[in-house]
Amino acid sequence: MPEPTVLYVLNGPNLNLLGVREPEVYGHATLADVQALCEAAADGATVVFRQTNHEGELIDWIHEAREKASALVLNAAAWTHTSVALHDALKTLTIPIVECHLSNPAARERFRHRSYVSPVAAGVVSGFGSFSYELAVKAALRLVQERTGAAGRSNQTT
């Protein structure tokens, strides 16, 4: 029997203020709305959804994901552009990582154009508001499915 799929959706600083902070950039959906969207898109997978304003706590959750998660969707928010420590923690993962952003960082201030997450992520979903999360969850689950399907096929042929 296959192990249950556990998807970590981790969120960085200021995302607790969604719906209030710069709604013209980030939209009117709250973080609770985003969580509900992720859970609905997860197609039965367990979603561990968290947000923190403390970088060390986010890194601890990434370390936890090494042992407990099938995949990771990460909106590291401002730490995307600043945190080598976050990059190093993500490099320890062997599960699929999907970088997610509500806005399109490439269309914003120059300092947002660099991502320390992208080099270790399977892909990036950005610029679609809260719909970015739905797309990221679907992508992460597809990557898990492809990975487990490939493992199953290789076991059958040996």
C-alpha atoms as a PDB file:
ATOM      1  CA  MET A   1       0.000   0.000   0.000  1.00  0.00           C
ATOM      2  CA  PRO A   2       1.503   3.389  -0.968  1.00  0.00           C
ATOM      3  CA  GLU A   3       2.382   5.894   1.729  1.00  0.00           C
ATOM      4  CA  PRO A   4      -0.006   8.843   2.033  1.00  0.00           C
ATOM      5  CA  THR A   5       1.035  12.011   0.222  1.00  0.00           C
ATOM      6  CA  VAL A   6       1.911  14.833   2.603  1.00  0.00           C
ATOM      7  CA  LEU A   7       2.330  18.264   1.060  1.00  0.00           C
ATOM      8  CA  TYR A   8       3.973  21.032   3.047  1.00  0.00           C
ATOM      9  CA  VAL A   9       2.893  24.554   2.059  1.00  0.00           C
ATOM     10  CA  LEU A  10       5.169  26.987   3.872  1.00  0.00           C
ATOM     11  CA  ASN A  11       4.848  30.756   3.889  1.00  0.00           C
ATOM     12  CA  GLY A  12       7.282  33.457   4.900  1.00  0.00           C
ATOM     13  CA  PRO A  13       7.094  36.930   6.399  1.00  0.00           C
ATOM     14  CA  ASN A  14       4.127  39.259   6.167  1.00  0.00           C
ATOM     15  CA  LEU A  15       1.893  36.714   4.447  1.00  0.00           C
ATOM     16  CA  ASN A  16      -0.213  36.687   7.622  1.00  0.00           C
ATOM     17  CA  LEU A  17      -1.347  40.128   6.419  1.00  0.00           C
ATOM     18  CA  LEU A  18      -2.797  38.918   3.115  1.00  0.00           C
ATOM     19  CA  GLY A  19      -5.996  40.712   2.229  1.00  0.00           C
ATOM     20  CA  VAL A  20      -4.858  43.782   4.166  1.00  0.00           C
ATOM     21  CA  ARG A  21      -1.293  44.489   3.026  1.00  0.00           C
ATOM     22  CA  GLU A  22      -1.043  46.019  -0.452  1.00  0.00           C
ATOM     23  CA  PRO A  23      -4.147  44.327  -1.894  1.00  0.00           C
ATOM     24  CA  GLU A  24      -3.378  45.941  -5.260  1.00  0.00           C
ATOM     25  CA  VAL A  25      -0.248  43.756  -5.380  1.00  0.00           C
ATOM     26  CA  TYR A  26      -1.209  40.670  -3.367  1.00  0.00           C
ATOM     27  CA  GLY A  27      -4.988  40.567  -3.801  1.00  0.00           C
ATOM     28  CA  HIS A  28      -7.858  40.468  -1.349  1.00  0.00           C
ATOM     29  CA  ALA A  29      -7.677  36.779  -0.381  1.00  0.00           C
ATOM     30  CA  THR A  30      -6.622  36.147   3.211  1.00  0.00           C
ATOM     31  CA  LEU A  31      -4.094  33.508   4.248  1.00  0.00           C
ATOM     32  CA  ALA A  32      -7.038  31.408   5.485  1.00  0.00           C
ATOM     33  CA  ASP A  33      -8.551  31.681   1.980  1.00  0.00           C
ATOM     34  CA  VAL A  34      -5.243  30.525   0.481  1.00  0.00           C
ATOM     35  CA  GLN A  35      -5.081  27.599   2.889  1.00  0.00           C
ATOM     36  CA  ALA A  36      -8.615  26.514   1.919  1.00  0.00           C
ATOM     37  CA  LEU A  37      -7.672  26.788  -1.757  1.00  0.00           C
ATOM     38  CA  CYS A  38      -4.594  24.612  -1.211  1.00  0.00           C
ATOM     39  CA  GLU A  39      -6.547  21.999   0.713  1.00  0.00           C
ATOM     40  CA  ALA A  40      -9.199  21.864  -2.017  1.00  0.00           C
ATOM     41  CA  ALA A  41      -6.539  21.532  -4.730  1.00  0.00           C
ATOM     42  CA  ALA A  42      -4.699  18.781  -2.835  1.00  0.00           C
ATOM     43  CA  ASP A  43      -7.041  16.062  -4.087  1.00  0.00           C
ATOM     44  CA  GLY A  44      -7.017  14.121  -0.819  1.00  0.00           C
ATOM     45  CA  ALA A  45      -3.360  14.647   0.062  1.00  0.00           C
ATOM     46  CA  THR A  46      -2.612  15.856   3.569  1.00  0.00           C
ATOM     47  CA  VAL A  47      -1.685  19.549   3.574  1.00  0.00           C
ATOM     48  CA  VAL A  48       0.531  20.961   6.308  1.00  0.00           C
ATOM     49  CA  PHE A  49       0.021  24.715   5.897  1.00  0.00           C
ATOM     50  CA  ARG A  50       2.116  27.150   7.945  1.00  0.00           C
ATOM     51  CA  GLN A  51       3.243  30.780   7.993  1.00  0.00           C
ATOM     52  CA  THR A  52       5.972  32.470  10.013  1.00  0.00           C
ATOM     53  CA  ASN A  53       7.658  35.826  10.365  1.00  0.00           C
ATOM     54  CA  HIS A  54      10.766  34.137  11.810  1.00  0.00           C
ATOM     55  CA  GLU A  55      13.401  32.831   9.408  1.00  0.00           C
ATOM     56  CA  GLY A  56      14.766  30.198  11.780  1.00  0.00           C
ATOM     57  CA  GLU A  57      11.297  28.742  12.260  1.00  0.00           C
ATOM     58  CA  LEU A  58      10.854  28.423   8.483  1.00  0.00           C
ATOM     59  CA  ILE A  59      14.208  26.636   8.262  1.00  0.00           C
ATOM     60  CA  ASP A  60      13.159  24.277  11.071  1.00  0.00           C
ATOM     61  CA  TRP A  61       9.978  23.439   9.127  1.00  0.00           C
ATOM     62  CA  ILE A  62      12.037  22.731   6.006  1.00  0.00           C
ATOM     63  CA  HIS A  63      14.187  20.361   8.066  1.00  0.00           C
ATOM     64  CA  GLU A  64      10.985  18.706   9.316  1.00  0.00           C
ATOM     65  CA  ALA A  65       9.774  18.368   5.718  1.00  0.00           C
ATOM     66  CA  ARG A  66      12.898  16.294   4.948  1.00  0.00           C
ATOM     67  CA  GLU A  67      11.421  13.523   7.102  1.00  0.00           C
ATOM     68  CA  LYS A  68       7.669  14.014   6.764  1.00  0.00           C
ATOM     69  CA  ALA A  69       6.757  15.579   3.411  1.00  0.00           C
ATOM     70  CA  SER A  70       6.275  14.167  -0.069  1.00  0.00           C
ATOM     71  CA  ALA A  71       6.718  17.633  -1.618  1.00  0.00           C
ATOM     72  CA  LEU A  72       7.075  21.285  -0.625  1.00  0.00           C
ATOM     73  CA  VAL A  73       5.327  24.390  -1.934  1.00  0.00           C
ATOM     74  CA  LEU A  74       7.191  27.432  -0.676  1.00  0.00           C
ATOM     75  CA  ASN A  75       6.345  31.110  -0.734  1.00  0.00           C
ATOM     76  CA  ALA A  76       9.353  32.418   1.133  1.00  0.00           C
ATOM     77  CA  ALA A  77       8.201  35.995   0.471  1.00  0.00           C
ATOM     78  CA  ALA A  78      11.034  38.508   1.074  1.00  0.00           C
ATOM     79  CA  TRP A  79      13.441  35.741   2.162  1.00  0.00           C
ATOM     80  CA  THR A  80      13.304  34.472  -1.421  1.00  0.00           C
ATOM     81  CA  HIS A  81      15.588  37.360  -2.345  1.00  0.00           C
ATOM     82  CA  THR A  82      17.833  37.498   0.720  1.00  0.00           C
ATOM     83  CA  SER A  83      18.347  34.190   2.481  1.00  0.00           C
ATOM     84  CA  VAL A  84      21.352  32.001   1.770  1.00  0.00           C
ATOM     85  CA  ALA A  85      20.413  30.037   4.910  1.00  0.00           C
ATOM     86  CA  LEU A  86      17.047  29.230   3.331  1.00  0.00           C
ATOM     87  CA  HIS A  87      18.767  28.158   0.108  1.00  0.00           C
ATOM     88  CA  ASP A  88      21.114  25.876   2.048  1.00  0.00           C
ATOM     89  CA  ALA A  89      18.220  24.288   3.978  1.00  0.00           C
ATOM     90  CA  LEU A  90      16.309  23.644   0.751  1.00  0.00           C
ATOM     91  CA  LYS A  91      19.378  21.975  -0.786  1.00  0.00           C
ATOM     92  CA  THR A  92      19.079  19.235   1.849  1.00  0.00           C
ATOM     93  CA  LEU A  93      15.696  18.120   0.510  1.00  0.00           C
ATOM     94  CA  THR A  94      15.255  15.243  -1.919  1.00  0.00           C
ATOM     95  CA  ILE A  95      11.517  15.890  -2.382  1.00  0.00           C
ATOM     96  CA  PRO A  96      10.083  18.155  -5.113  1.00  0.00           C
ATOM     97  CA  ILE A  97      10.083  21.872  -4.284  1.00  0.00           C
ATOM     98  CA  VAL A  98       7.768  24.319  -6.052  1.00  0.00           C
ATOM     99  CA  GLU A  99       8.453  28.019  -5.521  1.00  0.00           C
ATOM    100  CA  CYS A 100       5.259  30.074  -5.348  1.00  0.00           C
ATOM    101  CA  HIS A 101       4.519  33.809  -5.404  1.00  0.00           C
ATOM    102  CA  LEU A 102       1.286  35.767  -5.523  1.00  0.00           C
ATOM    103  CA  SER A 103       2.846  38.553  -7.581  1.00  0.00           C
ATOM    104  CA  ASN A 104       5.384  38.281 -10.384  1.00  0.00           C
ATOM    105  CA  PRO A 105       8.764  39.169  -8.829  1.00  0.00           C
ATOM    106  CA  ALA A 106      10.321  39.666 -12.274  1.00  0.00           C
ATOM    107  CA  ALA A 107       7.856  42.496 -12.936  1.00  0.00           C
ATOM    108  CA  ARG A 108       8.601  44.252  -9.643  1.00  0.00           C
ATOM    109  CA  GLU A 109      11.553  46.047  -8.049  1.00  0.00           C
ATOM    110  CA  ARG A 110      14.992  44.982  -9.211  1.00  0.00           C
ATOM    111  CA  PHE A 111      15.959  43.530  -5.814  1.00  0.00           C
ATOM    112  CA  ARG A 112      13.115  40.998  -6.211  1.00  0.00           C
ATOM    113  CA  HIS A 113      14.551  39.613  -9.462  1.00  0.00           C
ATOM    114  CA  ARG A 114      17.033  37.340  -7.672  1.00  0.00           C
ATOM    115  CA  SER A 115      15.725  34.191  -6.009  1.00  0.00           C
ATOM    116  CA  TYR A 116      17.699  31.967  -3.663  1.00  0.00           C
ATOM    117  CA  VAL A 117      14.871  29.418  -3.931  1.00  0.00           C
ATOM    118  CA  SER A 118      14.723  28.990  -7.720  1.00  0.00           C
ATOM    119  CA  PRO A 119      18.075  27.203  -8.100  1.00  0.00           C
ATOM    120  CA  VAL A 120      16.835  24.339  -5.908  1.00  0.00           C
ATOM    121  CA  ALA A 121      13.177  24.310  -6.990  1.00  0.00           C
ATOM    122  CA  ALA A 122      11.680  22.107  -9.684  1.00  0.00           C
ATOM    123  CA  GLY A 123       9.729  25.133 -10.918  1.00  0.00           C
ATOM    124  CA  VAL A 124       8.217  28.507 -10.093  1.00  0.00           C
ATOM    125  CA  VAL A 125       4.586  29.615 -10.188  1.00  0.00           C
ATOM    126  CA  SER A 126       4.094  33.358  -9.857  1.00  0.00           C
ATOM    127  CA  GLY A 127       1.921  36.272 -10.811  1.00  0.00           C
ATOM    128  CA  PHE A 128      -1.525  34.682 -10.568  1.00  0.00           C
ATOM    129  CA  GLY A 129      -2.537  35.881  -7.114  1.00  0.00           C
ATOM    130  CA  SER A 130      -3.952  33.163  -4.886  1.00  0.00           C
ATOM    131  CA  PHE A 131      -4.404  30.977  -7.983  1.00  0.00           C
ATOM    132  CA  SER A 132      -0.584  30.639  -7.951  1.00  0.00           C
ATOM    133  CA  TYR A 133      -0.982  28.409  -4.908  1.00  0.00           C
ATOM    134  CA  GLU A 134      -3.519  26.160  -6.605  1.00  0.00           C
ATOM    135  CA  LEU A 135      -1.196  25.761  -9.591  1.00  0.00           C
ATOM    136  CA  ALA A 136       1.794  25.134  -7.316  1.00  0.00           C
ATOM    137  CA  VAL A 137      -0.069  22.466  -5.324  1.00  0.00           C
ATOM    138  CA  LYS A 138      -1.137  20.722  -8.536  1.00  0.00           C
ATOM    139  CA  ALA A 139       2.435  20.871  -9.867  1.00  0.00           C
ATOM    140  CA  ALA A 140       3.905  19.498  -6.634  1.00  0.00           C
ATOM    141  CA  LEU A 141       1.402  16.626  -6.584  1.00  0.00           C
ATOM    142  CA  ARG A 142       2.143  15.836 -10.224  1.00  0.00           C
ATOM    143  CA  LEU A 143       5.860  15.680  -9.444  1.00  0.00           C
ATOM    144  CA  VAL A 144       5.180  13.301  -6.550  1.00  0.00           C
ATOM    145  CA  GLN A 145       2.977  11.156  -8.782  1.00  0.00           C
ATOM    146  CA  GLU A 146       5.615  11.014 -11.518  1.00  0.00           C
ATOM    147  CA  ARG A 147       8.276  10.133  -8.972  1.00  0.00           C
ATOM    148  CA  THR A 148       6.277   7.347  -7.323  1.00  0.00           C
ATOM    149  CA  GLY A 149       4.973   6.084 -10.651  1.00  0.00           C
ATOM    150  CA  ALA A 150       8.486   5.864 -12.036  1.00  0.00           C
ATOM    151  CA  ALA A 151       9.647   4.041  -8.902  1.00  0.00           C
ATOM    152  CA  GLY A 152       6.786   1.587  -9.227  1.00  0.00           C
ATOM    153  CA  ARG A 153       7.538   0.904 -12.884  1.00  0.00           C
ATOM    154  CA  SER A 154      11.237   0.376 -12.246  1.00  0.00           C
ATOM    155  CA  ASN A 155      10.429  -2.091  -9.450  1.00  0.00           C
ATOM    156  CA  GLN A 156       8.174  -4.032 -11.777  1.00  0.00           C
ATOM    157  CA  THR A 157      10.795  -4.385 -14.509  1.00  0.00           C
ATOM    158  CA  THR A 158      13.612  -5.685 -12.281  1.00  0.00           C
END
